[in-house]
Amino acid sequence: MRHLPTWTRRHLTALRTLLVLTVATGVLYPLAVTVVAQAIFRGAADGSMAGQHGSSLIGQSFTDAAGRPLSGYFQSRPSAAGKGYDPTATSASNLGPEDVLDLYGRRSLLTQVCSRGRAVAALEGVPAARPYCTPDGVGAVLKVFADHAVSANQTCPAVPFITTYQGLPVSCAKPGQDYSAGRTVPVRGGAPAHPPVPPDAVTASGSGLDPHISVAYAQLQAPRVARTRGLSLDRVDRLIKEHTGGRSLGFMGEPAVNVVLLNLALDRLRRPRP
């Protein structure tokens, strides 16, 4: 080795270093991590799989082929990941609280919240009234001008949710009309501050994959699920409690219910009646 040229010795040293590091970091370290994970965290290490139904860490849509909610299942919160809960397209909607106008054929965040709230209320049989929402399920937003106002999200021939605003007549929005010069005024209306349909029923999580819903949303759905499956409400409520997790680290966030595991538990107990 000492009789080899300097450049050859350097290349051989580099090659030995490469082989040693490859074995250490590419074989021994991953093998050690895998062994420890399988020994201590087997379920999580294998993806927290819930039988043949995917991971319990990723939400699912419990709907039929037409996208209608299956009445015998608890419904997940909305998802902005692809067509819903797509792990390859995890994302938020990137819409914020100032997004209140339906423009260029795109529904605003406010209108999405209003329409979802109306649909959930109809499914669960509760009042649909929600602050800043019209009775027909769009954002209650006016464009106010000097001599009139326009219900910006209610396209003609829709009937405006109010007839006058501060003495000005209110009309529906004409398709193709430019209302950008008007003053944007969201109208709260007389809906209760805390409507029966909770926030997580009408808004998506940041990742679009969250399998959890609030306890309030689960309790709202419980009578429907119990009725469809022919179970007592007390039995369904007990299942909700069994699948409710606590706050993160004991103090962050609110208790939440894993919908995937809850629906699997319901299927093991009794399949929904056709």
Protein backbone atom coordinates (compact mmCIF):
# COMPACT_ATOMS: atom_id res chain seq x y z
CA MET A 1 0.00 0.00 0.00
CA ARG A 2 2.84 2.35 0.87
CA HIS A 3 4.37 1.69 -2.56
CA LEU A 4 1.23 2.82 -4.38
CA PRO A 5 1.01 6.32 -5.84
CA THR A 6 -0.46 8.97 -3.58
CA TRP A 7 -3.55 9.49 -5.71
CA THR A 8 -4.27 5.72 -5.67
CA ARG A 9 -3.99 5.56 -1.87
CA ARG A 10 -6.38 8.49 -1.56
CA HIS A 11 -8.94 6.84 -3.82
CA LEU A 12 -8.72 3.54 -1.93
CA THR A 13 -9.17 5.37 1.39
CA ALA A 14 -12.23 7.17 0.01
CA LEU A 15 -13.63 3.86 -1.26
CA ARG A 16 -13.20 2.17 2.12
CA THR A 17 -14.85 5.14 3.86
CA LEU A 18 -17.76 4.94 1.41
CA LEU A 19 -18.24 1.23 2.04
CA VAL A 20 -18.09 1.60 5.83
CA LEU A 21 -20.57 4.51 5.89
CA THR A 22 -22.87 2.71 3.45
CA VAL A 23 -23.03 -0.34 5.70
CA ALA A 24 -23.40 1.75 8.87
CA THR A 25 -26.01 4.25 7.68
CA GLY A 26 -27.66 2.28 4.88
CA VAL A 27 -27.90 -1.14 6.52
CA LEU A 28 -27.15 -1.27 10.24
CA TYR A 29 -28.93 1.96 11.29
CA PRO A 30 -32.19 1.30 9.33
CA LEU A 31 -32.17 -2.29 10.57
CA ALA A 32 -31.78 -1.16 14.19
CA VAL A 33 -34.55 1.42 13.85
CA THR A 34 -36.87 -1.16 12.26
CA VAL A 35 -36.22 -3.72 15.00
CA VAL A 36 -36.86 -1.18 17.79
CA ALA A 37 -39.99 0.18 16.07
CA GLN A 38 -41.44 -3.31 15.54
CA ALA A 39 -40.67 -4.29 19.12
CA ILE A 40 -42.08 -1.19 20.82
CA PHE A 41 -44.43 0.57 18.33
CA ARG A 42 -45.54 -2.25 16.05
CA GLY A 43 -48.95 -0.83 15.16
CA ALA A 44 -47.68 2.67 14.43
CA ALA A 45 -44.60 1.34 12.62
CA ASP A 46 -46.84 -0.61 10.23
CA GLY A 47 -48.89 2.50 9.43
CA SER A 48 -51.58 2.19 12.12
CA MET A 49 -53.63 0.06 9.75
CA ALA A 50 -57.29 -0.48 10.63
CA GLY A 51 -57.91 -3.90 9.08
CA GLN A 52 -58.62 -3.64 5.35
CA HIS A 53 -59.86 -0.07 5.67
CA GLY A 54 -56.59 1.85 5.47
CA SER A 55 -54.79 3.75 8.19
CA SER A 56 -56.58 4.97 11.28
CA LEU A 57 -54.44 8.12 10.96
CA ILE A 58 -56.03 9.14 7.65
CA GLY A 59 -59.66 10.17 7.35
CA GLN A 60 -62.11 8.66 4.89
CA SER A 61 -65.30 9.72 3.16
CA PHE A 62 -68.29 7.63 4.21
CA THR A 63 -70.45 8.31 1.17
CA ASP A 64 -72.06 6.36 -1.67
CA ALA A 65 -70.96 6.37 -5.31
CA ALA A 66 -72.85 9.62 -5.89
CA GLY A 67 -71.16 11.34 -2.94
CA ARG A 68 -74.21 11.21 -0.68
CA PRO A 69 -73.58 10.58 3.04
CA LEU A 70 -74.23 7.02 4.20
CA SER A 71 -76.79 7.48 6.95
CA GLY A 72 -75.52 4.56 9.05
CA TYR A 73 -72.04 6.03 9.42
CA PHE A 74 -70.57 9.00 11.23
CA GLN A 75 -69.42 11.54 8.67
CA SER A 76 -65.90 12.93 8.58
CA ARG A 77 -65.10 16.61 8.35
CA PRO A 78 -64.61 18.07 4.83
CA SER A 79 -61.28 17.50 3.11
CA ALA A 80 -59.37 19.70 0.65
CA ALA A 81 -56.85 16.95 -0.20
CA GLY A 82 -57.52 16.01 -3.81
CA LYS A 83 -61.03 14.59 -4.11
CA GLY A 84 -61.00 14.02 -0.36
CA TYR A 85 -58.48 12.43 2.01
CA ASP A 86 -55.96 11.75 -0.78
CA PRO A 87 -52.52 11.25 0.89
CA THR A 88 -50.79 12.11 -2.40
CA ALA A 89 -52.49 15.52 -2.51
CA THR A 90 -52.47 16.58 1.13
CA SER A 91 -53.18 20.30 1.36
CA ALA A 92 -55.40 23.01 2.75
CA SER A 93 -57.79 25.06 0.64
CA ASN A 94 -55.61 28.17 1.06
CA LEU A 95 -58.78 30.21 1.60
CA GLY A 96 -58.97 32.58 4.55
CA PRO A 97 -61.60 34.50 6.54
CA GLU A 98 -61.54 37.41 4.09
CA ASP A 99 -62.65 35.15 1.24
CA VAL A 100 -66.36 36.00 1.19
CA LEU A 101 -67.18 36.73 -2.47
CA ASP A 102 -68.00 34.14 -5.11
CA LEU A 103 -65.92 35.30 -8.06
CA TYR A 104 -65.29 33.92 -11.56
CA GLY A 105 -67.27 30.76 -10.92
CA ARG A 106 -65.32 29.94 -7.73
CA ARG A 107 -67.17 29.52 -4.46
CA SER A 108 -65.77 31.56 -1.60
CA LEU A 109 -64.81 30.00 1.71
CA LEU A 110 -67.86 31.65 3.29
CA THR A 111 -70.23 30.13 0.72
CA GLN A 112 -68.59 26.72 1.15
CA VAL A 113 -69.15 26.95 4.91
CA CYS A 114 -72.76 28.05 4.40
CA SER A 115 -73.62 25.32 1.89
CA ARG A 116 -71.94 22.61 3.98
CA GLY A 117 -73.75 23.81 7.09
CA ARG A 118 -77.07 23.70 5.29
CA ALA A 119 -76.41 20.16 4.01
CA VAL A 120 -75.34 18.87 7.44
CA ALA A 121 -78.33 20.52 9.11
CA ALA A 122 -80.69 18.84 6.63
CA LEU A 123 -79.04 15.45 7.20
CA GLU A 124 -79.22 15.73 10.99
CA GLY A 125 -82.60 17.45 11.19
CA VAL A 126 -81.45 20.60 12.99
CA PRO A 127 -81.87 24.33 12.19
CA ALA A 128 -79.56 25.50 9.40
CA ALA A 129 -79.32 29.20 10.36
CA ARG A 130 -75.69 30.30 10.53
CA PRO A 131 -74.10 33.75 10.96
CA TYR A 132 -73.28 35.48 7.65
CA CYS A 133 -75.20 32.87 5.63
CA THR A 134 -78.33 33.26 3.52
CA PRO A 135 -81.25 30.81 3.84
CA ASP A 136 -80.32 29.32 0.45
CA GLY A 137 -76.79 28.49 1.62
CA VAL A 138 -74.42 31.15 0.27
CA GLY A 139 -72.47 33.92 1.92
CA ALA A 140 -74.67 36.85 3.03
CA VAL A 141 -72.51 39.58 1.50
CA LEU A 142 -73.59 42.91 0.01
CA LYS A 143 -71.87 45.17 -2.45
CA VAL A 144 -73.03 48.63 -1.40
CA PHE A 145 -73.15 51.59 -3.80
CA ALA A 146 -74.42 55.15 -3.39
CA ASP A 147 -78.01 54.44 -4.41
CA HIS A 148 -78.41 50.66 -4.15
CA ALA A 149 -76.94 47.42 -2.85
CA VAL A 150 -76.42 44.02 -4.42
CA SER A 151 -76.50 40.59 -2.77
CA ALA A 152 -73.20 39.65 -4.37
CA ASN A 153 -73.39 35.87 -3.95
CA GLN A 154 -77.04 35.48 -4.98
CA THR A 155 -77.16 35.43 -8.77
CA CYS A 156 -80.40 36.46 -10.46
CA PRO A 157 -83.14 35.31 -10.49
CA ALA A 158 -82.44 34.45 -6.82
CA VAL A 159 -84.38 36.44 -4.22
CA PRO A 160 -82.02 38.58 -2.07
CA PHE A 161 -81.85 37.56 1.59
CA ILE A 162 -82.86 41.12 2.59
CA THR A 163 -84.89 43.67 0.65
CA THR A 164 -83.22 46.85 1.94
CA TYR A 165 -79.95 47.83 3.62
CA GLN A 166 -79.71 51.17 5.44
CA GLY A 167 -82.54 52.51 3.29
CA LEU A 168 -81.04 51.22 0.01
CA PRO A 169 -82.90 48.67 -2.15
CA VAL A 170 -81.11 45.32 -2.48
CA SER A 171 -81.12 43.37 -5.74
CA CYS A 172 -79.66 40.05 -6.87
CA ALA A 173 -76.34 39.92 -8.72
CA LYS A 174 -76.50 39.99 -12.51
CA PRO A 175 -74.17 37.49 -14.21
CA GLY A 176 -71.12 39.16 -15.77
CA GLN A 177 -71.70 42.48 -14.00
CA ASP A 178 -68.63 44.12 -12.40
CA TYR A 179 -69.34 45.01 -8.77
CA SER A 180 -65.74 45.61 -7.71
CA ALA A 181 -66.36 49.33 -7.08
CA GLY A 182 -68.91 48.61 -4.36
CA ARG A 183 -68.17 48.41 -0.66
CA THR A 184 -68.12 44.80 0.58
CA VAL A 185 -70.37 44.31 3.62
CA PRO A 186 -70.90 40.85 5.19
CA VAL A 187 -74.26 40.74 7.00
CA ARG A 188 -74.37 38.67 10.17
CA GLY A 189 -78.12 38.19 10.31
CA GLY A 190 -80.09 36.86 13.28
CA ALA A 191 -78.58 33.38 13.50
CA PRO A 192 -77.32 32.17 16.91
CA ALA A 193 -73.66 32.67 17.72
CA HIS A 194 -73.27 28.92 18.25
CA PRO A 195 -75.35 27.09 15.62
CA PRO A 196 -76.14 23.37 16.04
CA VAL A 197 -73.70 22.43 13.25
CA PRO A 198 -70.18 22.83 14.74
CA PRO A 199 -67.22 24.43 12.90
CA ASP A 200 -65.39 21.18 12.09
CA ALA A 201 -68.44 19.94 10.18
CA VAL A 202 -68.06 22.76 7.66
CA THR A 203 -64.29 23.39 7.48
CA ALA A 204 -61.38 21.19 6.39
CA SER A 205 -58.28 20.50 8.46
CA GLY A 206 -54.90 21.95 7.45
CA SER A 207 -53.65 18.65 6.05
CA GLY A 208 -56.96 17.51 4.60
CA LEU A 209 -56.28 14.07 6.13
CA ASP A 210 -57.39 14.45 9.75
CA PRO A 211 -59.54 11.43 10.77
CA HIS A 212 -60.92 13.20 13.85
CA ILE A 213 -64.07 15.20 14.49
CA SER A 214 -65.14 17.10 17.58
CA VAL A 215 -67.20 15.46 20.29
CA ALA A 216 -69.96 17.96 19.49
CA TYR A 217 -70.10 16.84 15.84
CA ALA A 218 -70.14 13.17 16.85
CA GLN A 219 -72.98 13.79 19.31
CA LEU A 220 -74.93 15.66 16.63
CA GLN A 221 -74.72 12.61 14.35
CA ALA A 222 -75.39 9.98 17.02
CA PRO A 223 -79.25 9.96 16.80
CA ARG A 224 -79.17 9.43 13.03
CA VAL A 225 -76.60 6.61 13.25
CA ALA A 226 -78.46 4.91 16.11
CA ARG A 227 -81.77 5.13 14.27
CA THR A 228 -80.34 3.76 11.00
CA ARG A 229 -78.57 0.84 12.69
CA GLY A 230 -81.36 0.02 15.09
CA LEU A 231 -79.20 0.69 18.14
CA SER A 232 -80.00 2.56 21.32
CA LEU A 233 -78.67 6.10 21.56
CA ASP A 234 -76.97 5.18 24.85
CA ARG A 235 -75.01 2.41 23.12
CA VAL A 236 -73.84 4.73 20.37
CA ASP A 237 -72.89 7.40 22.91
CA ARG A 238 -70.77 4.83 24.77
CA LEU A 239 -68.95 4.01 21.54
CA ILE A 240 -68.26 7.70 20.99
CA LYS A 241 -66.72 7.95 24.47
CA GLU A 242 -64.61 4.83 23.85
CA HIS A 243 -63.14 6.41 20.69
CA THR A 244 -62.60 9.89 22.08
CA GLY A 245 -58.96 10.85 22.60
CA GLY A 246 -57.75 13.46 25.08
CA ARG A 247 -55.92 16.72 24.53
CA SER A 248 -52.42 16.58 23.05
CA LEU A 249 -49.84 16.45 25.86
CA GLY A 250 -52.77 16.81 28.23
CA PHE A 251 -53.44 20.50 27.59
CA MET A 252 -53.34 21.35 23.85
CA GLY A 253 -56.47 21.34 21.71
CA GLU A 254 -59.76 19.64 22.51
CA PRO A 255 -60.80 15.99 22.87
CA ALA A 256 -61.57 14.47 19.47
CA VAL A 257 -63.23 11.35 18.06
CA ASN A 258 -61.52 9.10 15.49
CA VAL A 259 -64.25 8.58 12.90
CA VAL A 260 -62.52 5.70 11.10
CA LEU A 261 -62.17 3.60 14.26
CA LEU A 262 -65.65 4.57 15.46
CA ASN A 263 -67.29 3.42 12.23
CA LEU A 264 -65.30 0.17 12.27
CA ALA A 265 -66.50 -0.47 15.83
CA LEU A 266 -70.07 0.15 14.70
CA ASP A 267 -69.71 -2.37 11.86
CA ARG A 268 -68.39 -4.98 14.26
CA LEU A 269 -71.37 -4.34 16.50
CA ARG A 270 -74.08 -4.22 13.86
CA ARG A 271 -74.12 -3.48 10.15
CA PRO A 272 -76.45 -0.68 9.01
CA ARG A 273 -79.83 -1.82 7.77
CA PRO A 274 -80.31 -1.47 3.97
